[in-house]
Protein backbone atom coordinates (compact mmCIF):
# COMPACT_ATOMS: atom_id res chain seq x y z
CA MET A 1 85.06 -76.61 99.19
CA GLN A 2 88.36 -74.76 99.28
CA GLU A 3 89.49 -72.43 96.52
CA GLY A 4 91.56 -74.32 93.97
CA THR A 5 90.04 -77.68 94.87
CA ALA A 6 88.27 -79.54 92.10
CA SER A 7 85.38 -81.95 92.22
CA VAL A 8 85.57 -85.05 90.07
CA VAL A 9 82.84 -87.48 89.03
CA LEU A 10 84.13 -90.97 88.30
CA ASP A 11 82.45 -93.68 86.33
CA THR A 12 82.77 -97.09 87.94
CA THR A 13 84.64 -98.29 84.84
CA VAL A 14 87.63 -96.13 85.79
CA ILE A 15 87.69 -97.60 89.28
CA VAL A 16 87.32 -101.21 88.14
CA LYS A 17 89.91 -100.88 85.37
CA SER A 18 92.34 -99.31 87.84
CA LEU A 19 92.01 -102.31 90.16
CA LEU A 20 91.94 -105.22 87.72
CA LYS A 21 94.52 -106.06 85.08
CA PRO A 22 93.17 -107.40 81.79
CA ALA A 23 92.96 -111.15 81.26
CA LYS A 24 96.07 -112.60 79.64
CA HIS A 25 94.04 -114.84 77.35
CA LEU A 26 92.87 -111.86 75.28
CA PRO A 27 94.30 -111.40 71.78
CA ARG A 28 97.62 -109.55 72.01
CA ASN A 29 96.41 -106.25 70.49
CA ILE A 30 93.37 -106.12 72.78
CA TYR A 31 95.45 -107.09 75.82
CA ASP A 32 97.97 -104.31 75.05
CA ARG A 33 95.17 -101.76 74.67
CA GLU A 34 93.47 -102.83 77.89
CA LEU A 35 96.78 -102.86 79.79
CA SER A 36 97.40 -99.28 78.63
CA THR A 37 93.91 -98.34 79.81
CA HIS A 38 94.58 -100.05 83.17
CA LYS A 39 97.75 -98.01 83.65
CA LYS A 40 95.99 -94.75 82.75
CA CYS A 41 93.16 -95.49 85.19
CA ARG A 42 95.68 -96.26 87.96
CA THR A 43 97.39 -92.94 87.24
CA ILE A 44 94.06 -91.10 87.46
CA MET A 45 93.27 -92.72 90.81
CA ARG A 46 96.77 -92.01 92.15
CA LEU A 47 96.59 -88.33 91.11
CA LEU A 48 93.15 -87.90 92.66
CA LYS A 49 94.42 -89.34 95.94
CA LYS A 50 97.57 -87.22 95.88
CA LYS A 51 95.74 -83.97 95.06
CA ARG A 52 92.95 -84.72 97.54
CA HIS A 53 90.15 -83.87 95.11
CA PHE A 54 86.54 -84.43 96.08
CA VAL A 55 85.47 -87.57 94.23
CA TYR A 56 81.87 -88.40 93.43
CA PHE A 57 80.62 -91.61 91.88
CA SER A 58 78.03 -91.57 89.15
CA GLN A 59 74.82 -93.49 89.64
CA SER A 60 72.90 -95.32 86.99
CA TRP A 61 69.14 -95.13 87.41
CA THR A 62 67.38 -98.07 85.79
CA ARG A 63 63.89 -99.38 86.14
């Protein structure tokens, strides 16, 4: 890893919420909140791509 380069661990929720807009049938206040979250997740993904950070995905271990 180069000096000044960060590593980032992403939860799958960030990825999914960046790809999918919230359903329009949700109550208005929930839709607005989820749309804001969607936009923030898209910004995170865009910045990670632009800055070329190493991205790792978390794994859930269940039995």
